[in-house]
Amino acid sequence: MDLALDIGVSPRHLSFVETGRSRPSPQLVIAIAEELEVPLRERNTLLIAAGYAPRYSQRGLDEPEMAHVRASIQRMLDAHDPYPGVVIDRQWNVVLGNRSAGALTAGLPAHVLGPPLNVFRVSLHPDGLAGRTLNFAEWAAYLLGQLRRSVVLTGDRALAALEAEVRAYPNVAALEKGMGRDGWSEAPVLVPFRLASGAVELSLFTTITTFGTPQDVTLDELAIELFFPADEATEALLRRL
């Protein structure tokens, strides 16, 4: 009833649509999807299921129509330097990054780096950044919480397979066994990423930004993750480097 009232139709009609007794118009499908905050990819699926053509395009960032968007994002990442910044897709694969972000993964083995370079794999794999992460238990808890949330929200099979993969890593499995499954949800409000870099320590916190009014599936699924120094020593070190 709440959904029907919010989108401006009768509860009876919406019930008929739900049970298949009435065929919704494409406008109603979009209204339902917008009210329920359904991602654009799944909105296309809903339209197809209702007998209509997909409404939202999906262009790769390398296509000519996306050149201005890609250039704008890269300018943002470059302006964020010397702090790390990356752009990630639906599966948290890195599609763009700045110079400082590349320096974080320098020296890691090829089997961890991909392609594609995946945030969860490179951060949690024993041969990846996990061995350099000084607060690995905290950081792993945050990352696994993000991954679980993404799997639940999208139902993406590739993400579900990635979750199974990283939970099977011996370092992650050992932590999870010691903490219990429910322990991962008790992360603090702000978790720093504490990384050993040679003889010094970097302490960073992260923000994630999404596009406000996307009408393209690719843009709807992109997010910009920017890292900021969590203390003055890290800021000074990054600026010096």
C-alpha atoms as a PDB file:
ATOM      1  CA  MET A   1       0.000   0.000   0.000  1.00  0.00           C
ATOM      2  CA  ASP A   2       2.830   2.413   0.872  1.00  0.00           C
ATOM      3  CA  LEU A   3       4.552   1.777  -2.458  1.00  0.00           C
ATOM      4  CA  ALA A   4       1.299   2.225  -4.388  1.00  0.00           C
ATOM      5  CA  LEU A   5       0.554   5.529  -2.676  1.00  0.00           C
ATOM      6  CA  ASP A   6       4.123   6.764  -3.180  1.00  0.00           C
ATOM      7  CA  ILE A   7       4.045   6.134  -6.945  1.00  0.00           C
ATOM      8  CA  GLY A   8       0.447   7.333  -7.414  1.00  0.00           C
ATOM      9  CA  VAL A   9      -1.483   4.153  -8.267  1.00  0.00           C
ATOM     10  CA  SER A  10      -4.093   2.177  -6.397  1.00  0.00           C
ATOM     11  CA  PRO A  11      -2.954  -0.702  -4.177  1.00  0.00           C
ATOM     12  CA  ARG A  12      -5.389  -2.935  -6.090  1.00  0.00           C
ATOM     13  CA  HIS A  13      -3.739  -2.170  -9.427  1.00  0.00           C
ATOM     14  CA  LEU A  14      -0.235  -2.657  -8.047  1.00  0.00           C
ATOM     15  CA  SER A  15      -1.335  -5.977  -6.549  1.00  0.00           C
ATOM     16  CA  PHE A  16      -2.645  -7.057  -9.954  1.00  0.00           C
ATOM     17  CA  VAL A  17       0.714  -6.111 -11.511  1.00  0.00           C
ATOM     18  CA  GLU A  18       2.586  -8.074  -8.837  1.00  0.00           C
ATOM     19  CA  THR A  19       0.531 -11.229  -9.396  1.00  0.00           C
ATOM     20  CA  GLY A  20       0.571 -10.952 -13.186  1.00  0.00           C
ATOM     21  CA  ARG A  21      -3.123 -10.160 -13.598  1.00  0.00           C
ATOM     22  CA  SER A  22      -2.332  -6.732 -15.099  1.00  0.00           C
ATOM     23  CA  ARG A  23       0.455  -5.674 -17.424  1.00  0.00           C
ATOM     24  CA  PRO A  24       2.209  -2.513 -16.247  1.00  0.00           C
ATOM     25  CA  SER A  25       2.979   0.373 -18.558  1.00  0.00           C
ATOM     26  CA  PRO A  26       6.670   1.197 -19.039  1.00  0.00           C
ATOM     27  CA  GLN A  27       6.053   4.380 -17.025  1.00  0.00           C
ATOM     28  CA  LEU A  28       4.789   2.316 -14.097  1.00  0.00           C
ATOM     29  CA  VAL A  29       7.773  -0.039 -14.292  1.00  0.00           C
ATOM     30  CA  ILE A  30      10.139   2.950 -14.144  1.00  0.00           C
ATOM     31  CA  ALA A  31       8.161   4.564 -11.307  1.00  0.00           C
ATOM     32  CA  ILE A  32       8.342   1.364  -9.234  1.00  0.00           C
ATOM     33  CA  ALA A  33      12.068   0.984  -9.959  1.00  0.00           C
ATOM     34  CA  GLU A  34      12.820   4.595  -9.025  1.00  0.00           C
ATOM     35  CA  GLU A  35      10.862   4.374  -5.763  1.00  0.00           C
ATOM     36  CA  LEU A  36      12.666   1.138  -4.821  1.00  0.00           C
ATOM     37  CA  GLU A  37      16.049   2.591  -5.926  1.00  0.00           C
ATOM     38  CA  VAL A  38      16.628  -0.288  -8.341  1.00  0.00           C
ATOM     39  CA  PRO A  39      19.975   0.019 -10.233  1.00  0.00           C
ATOM     40  CA  LEU A  40      19.743   0.823 -13.943  1.00  0.00           C
ATOM     41  CA  ARG A  41      20.926  -2.629 -15.039  1.00  0.00           C
ATOM     42  CA  GLU A  42      18.055  -4.266 -13.143  1.00  0.00           C
ATOM     43  CA  ARG A  43      15.610  -1.621 -14.432  1.00  0.00           C
ATOM     44  CA  ASN A  44      16.381  -2.804 -17.958  1.00  0.00           C
ATOM     45  CA  THR A  45      15.711  -6.365 -16.778  1.00  0.00           C
ATOM     46  CA  LEU A  46      12.343  -5.305 -15.353  1.00  0.00           C
ATOM     47  CA  LEU A  47      11.395  -3.582 -18.612  1.00  0.00           C
ATOM     48  CA  ILE A  48      12.295  -6.657 -20.647  1.00  0.00           C
ATOM     49  CA  ALA A  49      10.294  -8.873 -18.275  1.00  0.00           C
ATOM     50  CA  ALA A  50       7.291  -6.578 -18.776  1.00  0.00           C
ATOM     51  CA  GLY A  51       7.627  -6.847 -22.573  1.00  0.00           C
ATOM     52  CA  TYR A  52       9.370  -3.539 -23.284  1.00  0.00           C
ATOM     53  CA  ALA A  53      12.714  -2.567 -24.752  1.00  0.00           C
ATOM     54  CA  PRO A  54      15.562  -1.602 -22.389  1.00  0.00           C
ATOM     55  CA  ARG A  55      15.645   2.121 -21.754  1.00  0.00           C
ATOM     56  CA  TYR A  56      19.135   2.646 -20.367  1.00  0.00           C
ATOM     57  CA  SER A  57      22.238   2.433 -22.528  1.00  0.00           C
ATOM     58  CA  GLN A  58      25.507   0.788 -21.549  1.00  0.00           C
ATOM     59  CA  ARG A  59      28.669   2.230 -23.056  1.00  0.00           C
ATOM     60  CA  GLY A  60      32.232   1.385 -22.173  1.00  0.00           C
ATOM     61  CA  LEU A  61      34.424   4.177 -20.837  1.00  0.00           C
ATOM     62  CA  ASP A  62      36.667   3.766 -23.881  1.00  0.00           C
ATOM     63  CA  GLU A  63      33.848   4.529 -26.348  1.00  0.00           C
ATOM     64  CA  PRO A  64      33.896   7.963 -28.066  1.00  0.00           C
ATOM     65  CA  GLU A  65      30.583   9.009 -26.474  1.00  0.00           C
ATOM     66  CA  MET A  66      32.163   8.610 -23.031  1.00  0.00           C
ATOM     67  CA  ALA A  67      35.397  10.469 -23.798  1.00  0.00           C
ATOM     68  CA  HIS A  68      34.342  13.666 -22.006  1.00  0.00           C
ATOM     69  CA  VAL A  69      33.205  11.710 -18.943  1.00  0.00           C
ATOM     70  CA  ARG A  70      36.432   9.715 -18.799  1.00  0.00           C
ATOM     71  CA  ALA A  71      38.515  12.892 -19.174  1.00  0.00           C
ATOM     72  CA  SER A  72      36.591  14.626 -16.380  1.00  0.00           C
ATOM     73  CA  ILE A  73      37.044  11.666 -14.026  1.00  0.00           C
ATOM     74  CA  GLN A  74      40.761  11.462 -14.811  1.00  0.00           C
ATOM     75  CA  ARG A  75      41.145  15.183 -14.108  1.00  0.00           C
ATOM     76  CA  MET A  76      39.522  14.632 -10.713  1.00  0.00           C
ATOM     77  CA  LEU A  77      41.890  11.758  -9.929  1.00  0.00           C
ATOM     78  CA  ASP A  78      44.947  13.712 -11.077  1.00  0.00           C
ATOM     79  CA  ALA A  79      43.892  16.725  -9.003  1.00  0.00           C
ATOM     80  CA  HIS A  80      43.625  14.440  -5.965  1.00  0.00           C
ATOM     81  CA  ASP A  81      47.277  13.407  -6.334  1.00  0.00           C
ATOM     82  CA  PRO A  82      49.485  13.006  -4.251  1.00  0.00           C
ATOM     83  CA  TYR A  83      46.694  11.171  -2.433  1.00  0.00           C
ATOM     84  CA  PRO A  84      45.570   7.849  -3.974  1.00  0.00           C
ATOM     85  CA  GLY A  85      42.368   7.723  -6.006  1.00  0.00           C
ATOM     86  CA  VAL A  86      40.715   5.052  -8.176  1.00  0.00           C
ATOM     87  CA  VAL A  87      37.516   4.469 -10.116  1.00  0.00           C
ATOM     88  CA  ILE A  88      35.867   1.080  -9.567  1.00  0.00           C
ATOM     89  CA  ASP A  89      33.107  -0.748 -11.429  1.00  0.00           C
ATOM     90  CA  ARG A  90      30.269  -2.986 -10.244  1.00  0.00           C
ATOM     91  CA  GLN A  91      32.669  -5.810  -9.275  1.00  0.00           C
ATOM     92  CA  TRP A  92      35.114  -3.354  -7.649  1.00  0.00           C
ATOM     93  CA  ASN A  93      37.590  -3.721 -10.491  1.00  0.00           C
ATOM     94  CA  VAL A  94      39.829  -0.676 -10.935  1.00  0.00           C
ATOM     95  CA  VAL A  95      39.133   1.008 -14.280  1.00  0.00           C
ATOM     96  CA  LEU A  96      41.036   4.265 -13.698  1.00  0.00           C
ATOM     97  CA  GLY A  97      43.561   5.473 -11.153  1.00  0.00           C
ATOM     98  CA  ASN A  98      46.089   8.187 -10.427  1.00  0.00           C
ATOM     99  CA  ARG A  99      49.842   7.964  -9.967  1.00  0.00           C
ATOM    100  CA  SER A 100      49.716   7.669  -6.185  1.00  0.00           C
ATOM    101  CA  ALA A 101      47.275   4.752  -6.351  1.00  0.00           C
ATOM    102  CA  GLY A 102      49.631   2.921  -8.675  1.00  0.00           C
ATOM    103  CA  ALA A 103      52.467   3.388  -6.190  1.00  0.00           C
ATOM    104  CA  LEU A 104      50.478   1.554  -3.483  1.00  0.00           C
ATOM    105  CA  THR A 105      50.547  -1.686  -5.472  1.00  0.00           C
ATOM    106  CA  ALA A 106      54.095  -1.386  -6.794  1.00  0.00           C
ATOM    107  CA  GLY A 107      56.064  -4.592  -6.387  1.00  0.00           C
ATOM    108  CA  LEU A 108      53.108  -6.929  -5.900  1.00  0.00           C
ATOM    109  CA  PRO A 109      53.100 -10.209  -7.896  1.00  0.00           C
ATOM    110  CA  ALA A 110      51.236 -10.351 -11.208  1.00  0.00           C
ATOM    111  CA  HIS A 111      48.736 -13.016 -10.085  1.00  0.00           C
ATOM    112  CA  VAL A 112      47.376 -10.548  -7.519  1.00  0.00           C
ATOM    113  CA  LEU A 113      47.287  -7.549  -9.834  1.00  0.00           C
ATOM    114  CA  GLY A 114      45.100  -9.151 -12.509  1.00  0.00           C
ATOM    115  CA  PRO A 115      44.000  -7.960 -14.974  1.00  0.00           C
ATOM    116  CA  PRO A 116      41.605  -6.764 -13.902  1.00  0.00           C
ATOM    117  CA  LEU A 117      42.985  -5.247 -10.716  1.00  0.00           C
ATOM    118  CA  ASN A 118      40.323  -5.931  -8.073  1.00  0.00           C
ATOM    119  CA  VAL A 119      40.159  -3.965  -4.816  1.00  0.00           C
ATOM    120  CA  PHE A 120      39.108  -6.937  -2.678  1.00  0.00           C
ATOM    121  CA  ARG A 121      41.576  -9.381  -4.175  1.00  0.00           C
ATOM    122  CA  VAL A 122      44.602  -7.091  -3.997  1.00  0.00           C
ATOM    123  CA  SER A 123      43.703  -5.952  -0.469  1.00  0.00           C
ATOM    124  CA  LEU A 124      42.919  -9.346   1.077  1.00  0.00           C
ATOM    125  CA  HIS A 125      45.169 -11.806  -0.763  1.00  0.00           C
ATOM    126  CA  PRO A 126      48.129 -13.005   1.364  1.00  0.00           C
ATOM    127  CA  ASP A 127      50.497 -12.039  -1.461  1.00  0.00           C
ATOM    128  CA  GLY A 128      48.806  -8.651  -1.895  1.00  0.00           C
ATOM    129  CA  LEU A 129      48.488  -5.665   0.393  1.00  0.00           C
ATOM    130  CA  ALA A 130      47.350  -7.866   3.300  1.00  0.00           C
ATOM    131  CA  GLY A 131      50.949  -8.564   4.255  1.00  0.00           C
ATOM    132  CA  ARG A 132      51.649  -4.823   4.479  1.00  0.00           C
ATOM    133  CA  THR A 133      48.415  -3.844   6.250  1.00  0.00           C
ATOM    134  CA  LEU A 134      49.170  -3.143   9.898  1.00  0.00           C
ATOM    135  CA  ASN A 135      45.514  -3.270  11.025  1.00  0.00           C
ATOM    136  CA  PHE A 136      44.500  -6.140   8.760  1.00  0.00           C
ATOM    137  CA  ALA A 137      41.729  -7.451  11.034  1.00  0.00           C
ATOM    138  CA  GLU A 138      39.951  -4.080  11.079  1.00  0.00           C
ATOM    139  CA  TRP A 139      40.491  -3.384   7.387  1.00  0.00           C
ATOM    140  CA  ALA A 140      39.421  -6.874   6.341  1.00  0.00           C
ATOM    141  CA  ALA A 141      36.240  -6.522   8.402  1.00  0.00           C
ATOM    142  CA  TYR A 142      35.402  -3.287   6.596  1.00  0.00           C
ATOM    143  CA  LEU A 143      36.155  -4.722   3.153  1.00  0.00           C
ATOM    144  CA  LEU A 144      34.204  -7.932   3.713  1.00  0.00           C
ATOM    145  CA  GLY A 145      31.254  -5.893   4.946  1.00  0.00           C
ATOM    146  CA  GLN A 146      31.347  -3.831   1.749  1.00  0.00           C
ATOM    147  CA  LEU A 147      31.600  -6.970  -0.368  1.00  0.00           C
ATOM    148  CA  ARG A 148      28.699  -8.692   1.409  1.00  0.00           C
ATOM    149  CA  ARG A 149      26.566  -5.576   0.974  1.00  0.00           C
ATOM    150  CA  SER A 150      27.355  -5.424  -2.746  1.00  0.00           C
ATOM    151  CA  VAL A 151      26.472  -9.094  -3.220  1.00  0.00           C
ATOM    152  CA  VAL A 152      23.139  -8.639  -1.441  1.00  0.00           C
ATOM    153  CA  LEU A 153      22.218  -5.457  -3.321  1.00  0.00           C
ATOM    154  CA  THR A 154      23.134  -6.644  -6.808  1.00  0.00           C
ATOM    155  CA  GLY A 155      22.796 -10.430  -6.748  1.00  0.00           C
ATOM    156  CA  ASP A 156      25.827 -10.409  -9.054  1.00  0.00           C
ATOM    157  CA  ARG A 157      27.222 -13.919  -9.539  1.00  0.00           C
ATOM    158  CA  ALA A 158      30.738 -12.659 -10.198  1.00  0.00           C
ATOM    159  CA  LEU A 159      30.697 -10.757  -6.910  1.00  0.00           C
ATOM    160  CA  ALA A 160      29.370 -13.809  -5.081  1.00  0.00           C
ATOM    161  CA  ALA A 161      32.197 -15.899  -6.553  1.00  0.00           C
ATOM    162  CA  LEU A 162      34.705 -13.222  -5.524  1.00  0.00           C
ATOM    163  CA  GLU A 163      33.330 -13.260  -1.974  1.00  0.00           C
ATOM    164  CA  ALA A 164      33.742 -17.035  -1.806  1.00  0.00           C
ATOM    165  CA  GLU A 165      37.291 -16.693  -3.148  1.00  0.00           C
ATOM    166  CA  VAL A 166      38.496 -14.087  -0.659  1.00  0.00           C
ATOM    167  CA  ARG A 167      36.846 -15.792   2.322  1.00  0.00           C
ATOM    168  CA  ALA A 168      38.842 -18.907   1.403  1.00  0.00           C
ATOM    169  CA  TYR A 169      42.182 -17.058   1.653  1.00  0.00           C
ATOM    170  CA  PRO A 170      44.003 -18.578   4.651  1.00  0.00           C
ATOM    171  CA  ASN A 171      44.596 -15.216   6.345  1.00  0.00           C
ATOM    172  CA  VAL A 172      40.927 -14.207   5.990  1.00  0.00           C
ATOM    173  CA  ALA A 173      39.648 -17.649   6.996  1.00  0.00           C
ATOM    174  CA  ALA A 174      41.841 -17.618  10.103  1.00  0.00           C
ATOM    175  CA  LEU A 175      40.557 -14.209  11.141  1.00  0.00           C
ATOM    176  CA  GLU A 176      36.965 -15.174  10.482  1.00  0.00           C
ATOM    177  CA  LYS A 177      37.333 -18.401  12.435  1.00  0.00           C
ATOM    178  CA  GLY A 178      38.711 -16.512  15.395  1.00  0.00           C
ATOM    179  CA  MET A 179      36.114 -13.739  15.341  1.00  0.00           C
ATOM    180  CA  GLY A 180      33.011 -15.647  14.264  1.00  0.00           C
ATOM    181  CA  ARG A 181      30.812 -14.743  11.316  1.00  0.00           C
ATOM    182  CA  ASP A 182      28.960 -12.001  13.202  1.00  0.00           C
ATOM    183  CA  GLY A 183      32.165 -10.283  14.260  1.00  0.00           C
ATOM    184  CA  TRP A 184      32.710  -8.740  10.850  1.00  0.00           C
ATOM    185  CA  SER A 185      29.729  -6.393  11.226  1.00  0.00           C
ATOM    186  CA  GLU A 186      31.139  -4.647  14.298  1.00  0.00           C
ATOM    187  CA  ALA A 187      33.608  -2.366  12.490  1.00  0.00           C
ATOM    188  CA  PRO A 188      34.083   1.207  13.849  1.00  0.00           C
ATOM    189  CA  VAL A 189      32.457   4.196  12.164  1.00  0.00           C
ATOM    190  CA  LEU A 190      35.727   5.225  10.482  1.00  0.00           C
ATOM    191  CA  VAL A 191      38.348   2.563   9.782  1.00  0.00           C
ATOM    192  CA  PRO A 192      41.814   3.795   8.738  1.00  0.00           C
ATOM    193  CA  PHE A 193      43.897   1.898   6.226  1.00  0.00           C
ATOM    194  CA  ARG A 194      47.302   1.540   7.910  1.00  0.00           C
ATOM    195  CA  LEU A 195      49.902   0.424   5.381  1.00  0.00           C
ATOM    196  CA  ALA A 196      53.596  -0.236   5.953  1.00  0.00           C
ATOM    197  CA  SER A 197      55.665   1.409   3.221  1.00  0.00           C
ATOM    198  CA  GLY A 198      59.287   0.535   3.785  1.00  0.00           C
ATOM    199  CA  ALA A 199      60.245   1.825   7.218  1.00  0.00           C
ATOM    200  CA  VAL A 200      57.296   4.224   7.457  1.00  0.00           C
ATOM    201  CA  GLU A 201      53.563   3.866   8.008  1.00  0.00           C
ATOM    202  CA  LEU A 202      50.792   5.377   5.885  1.00  0.00           C
ATOM    203  CA  SER A 203      47.436   5.942   7.593  1.00  0.00           C
ATOM    204  CA  LEU A 204      44.570   6.692   5.216  1.00  0.00           C
ATOM    205  CA  PHE A 205      40.789   6.911   5.266  1.00  0.00           C
ATOM    206  CA  THR A 206      38.579   6.475   2.232  1.00  0.00           C
ATOM    207  CA  THR A 207      35.516   8.099   0.705  1.00  0.00           C
ATOM    208  CA  ILE A 208      33.312   6.696  -2.070  1.00  0.00           C
ATOM    209  CA  THR A 209      31.460   8.958  -4.515  1.00  0.00           C
ATOM    210  CA  THR A 210      28.876   7.975  -7.115  1.00  0.00           C
ATOM    211  CA  PHE A 211      27.298   9.865 -10.018  1.00  0.00           C
ATOM    212  CA  GLY A 212      24.191  11.820  -9.091  1.00  0.00           C
ATOM    213  CA  THR A 213      21.939  11.478 -12.160  1.00  0.00           C
ATOM    214  CA  PRO A 214      23.259   8.661 -14.366  1.00  0.00           C
ATOM    215  CA  GLN A 215      21.217   7.496 -17.359  1.00  0.00           C
ATOM    216  CA  ASP A 216      23.807   4.979 -18.507  1.00  0.00           C
ATOM    217  CA  VAL A 217      24.374   1.583 -16.870  1.00  0.00           C
ATOM    218  CA  THR A 218      28.161   1.974 -16.889  1.00  0.00           C
ATOM    219  CA  LEU A 219      28.060   5.332 -15.101  1.00  0.00           C
ATOM    220  CA  ASP A 220      25.439   4.065 -12.668  1.00  0.00           C
ATOM    221  CA  GLU A 221      27.795   1.253 -11.633  1.00  0.00           C
ATOM    222  CA  LEU A 222      30.972   3.344 -11.336  1.00  0.00           C
ATOM    223  CA  ALA A 223      32.226   4.742  -8.046  1.00  0.00           C
ATOM    224  CA  ILE A 224      35.165   7.012  -7.292  1.00  0.00           C
ATOM    225  CA  GLU A 225      37.171   5.978  -4.230  1.00  0.00           C
ATOM    226  CA  LEU A 226      39.483   8.640  -2.866  1.00  0.00           C
ATOM    227  CA  PHE A 227      41.981   8.113  -0.051  1.00  0.00           C
ATOM    228  CA  PHE A 228      42.931  10.922   2.340  1.00  0.00           C
ATOM    229  CA  PRO A 229      45.710  11.107   4.939  1.00  0.00           C
ATOM    230  CA  ALA A 230      44.452  10.267   8.433  1.00  0.00           C
ATOM    231  CA  ASP A 231      47.337  12.050  10.167  1.00  0.00           C
ATOM    232  CA  GLU A 232      49.864  14.797   9.543  1.00  0.00           C
ATOM    233  CA  ALA A 233      52.786  12.391   9.130  1.00  0.00           C
ATOM    234  CA  THR A 234      51.040  10.582   6.259  1.00  0.00           C
ATOM    235  CA  GLU A 235      50.144  13.864   4.573  1.00  0.00           C
ATOM    236  CA  ALA A 236      53.718  15.100   4.788  1.00  0.00           C
ATOM    237  CA  LEU A 237      55.101  11.816   3.465  1.00  0.00           C
ATOM    238  CA  LEU A 238      52.728  11.660   0.487  1.00  0.00           C
ATOM    239  CA  ARG A 239      53.443  15.268  -0.480  1.00  0.00           C
ATOM    240  CA  ARG A 240      57.189  14.682  -0.198  1.00  0.00           C
ATOM    241  CA  LEU A 241      57.018  11.559  -2.371  1.00  0.00           C
END
